[in-house]
Protein backbone atom coordinates (compact mmCIF):
# COMPACT_ATOMS: atom_id res chain seq x y z
CA MET A 1 80.31 160.10 -217.49
CA ASP A 2 81.94 163.24 -216.38
CA ILE A 3 81.72 165.13 -213.24
CA SER A 4 83.62 167.91 -211.68
CA VAL A 5 85.69 167.82 -208.62
CA THR A 6 83.27 169.37 -206.61
CA ASP A 7 81.10 167.05 -206.95
CA PHE A 8 82.97 164.36 -207.09
CA LYS A 9 83.56 165.15 -203.17
CA ALA A 10 79.74 165.86 -202.45
CA GLN A 11 78.94 162.61 -204.03
CA CYS A 12 82.05 160.15 -203.60
CA LEU A 13 80.05 157.07 -201.93
CA ASP A 14 77.51 156.88 -204.02
CA LEU A 15 79.36 157.54 -207.44
CA ILE A 16 81.88 154.68 -206.04
CA ARG A 17 78.41 152.27 -205.81
CA LYS A 18 77.56 153.45 -209.07
CA VAL A 19 80.64 152.48 -210.91
CA GLU A 20 80.86 149.04 -208.57
CA GLU A 21 76.93 148.54 -209.93
CA SER A 22 77.78 149.27 -213.25
CA GLY A 23 81.23 148.78 -214.41
CA LYS A 24 81.47 152.09 -216.02
CA ALA A 25 84.26 154.73 -215.36
CA ILE A 26 83.63 158.06 -214.21
CA THR A 27 85.79 160.89 -215.87
CA ILE A 28 86.42 164.10 -212.95
CA ARG A 29 87.27 167.33 -214.49
CA ARG A 30 88.68 170.09 -212.48
CA HIS A 31 88.46 173.62 -214.60
CA GLY A 32 87.19 171.26 -217.72
CA GLN A 33 90.76 169.08 -217.79
CA ILE A 34 90.64 165.77 -216.73
CA VAL A 35 92.47 164.82 -213.47
CA ALA A 36 91.66 161.23 -212.68
CA ARG A 37 88.81 158.37 -213.62
CA LEU A 38 87.32 155.99 -211.08
CA GLU A 39 86.98 152.58 -212.88
CA PRO A 40 85.93 149.36 -211.36
CA ALA A 41 88.50 146.80 -209.97
CA CYS A 42 87.21 144.12 -212.25
CA GLY A 43 84.71 144.85 -215.18
CA PRO A 44 81.31 143.55 -215.17
CA ALA A 45 80.94 139.51 -216.06
CA GLY A 46 81.03 139.36 -219.80
CA ALA A 47 83.00 142.79 -220.02
CA GLY A 48 84.44 143.18 -223.56
CA LYS A 49 88.12 142.80 -224.24
CA PRO A 50 91.09 145.32 -223.48
CA TRP A 51 91.26 146.62 -227.20
CA GLU A 52 87.31 146.76 -227.46
CA GLU A 53 87.07 148.88 -223.66
CA LEU A 54 89.90 151.03 -225.95
CA ARG A 55 88.13 151.27 -229.02
CA ALA A 56 84.59 152.47 -226.87
CA LEU A 57 86.46 155.43 -225.40
CA GLY A 58 87.46 156.47 -228.80
CA GLY A 59 91.35 156.33 -228.20
CA SER A 60 93.83 154.46 -230.14
CA ALA A 61 96.79 152.63 -229.63
CA ARG A 62 99.73 151.72 -231.91
CA LEU A 63 101.71 148.01 -230.92
CA ALA A 64 104.96 147.90 -232.68
CA ALA A 65 107.77 145.10 -231.82
CA ASP A 66 110.49 143.97 -233.42
CA GLU A 67 109.71 140.15 -232.72
CA SER A 68 106.22 138.59 -232.34
CA VAL A 69 105.54 135.66 -229.47
CA ILE A 70 102.49 134.98 -231.30
CA ALA A 71 102.02 133.15 -234.98
CA ASP A 72 100.64 135.63 -237.14
CA GLU A 73 97.50 133.22 -237.83
CA ASP A 74 97.01 132.72 -233.82
CA PHE A 75 96.79 136.39 -233.64
CA GLU A 76 94.43 137.25 -236.48
CA ALA A 77 92.25 134.20 -234.91
CA LEU A 78 91.54 136.29 -232.12
CA ARG A 79 90.47 139.24 -233.53
């Protein structure tokens, strides 16, 4: 959900309750630019894995490391 700063200010308490109940974040915009996100402190029960939540947002990430503390087969098992 996207909302303007002005609307957020007017509905702040209701929006906090909505985020708390639904577990879904709200993006707050000023003049069309994202300035903040209101997210639940903890996701709802059964929430997805962090990388699945990032994927749902449409973003991408790259993990780069010189050395891993997890064996390749263990890492693949987590997928």
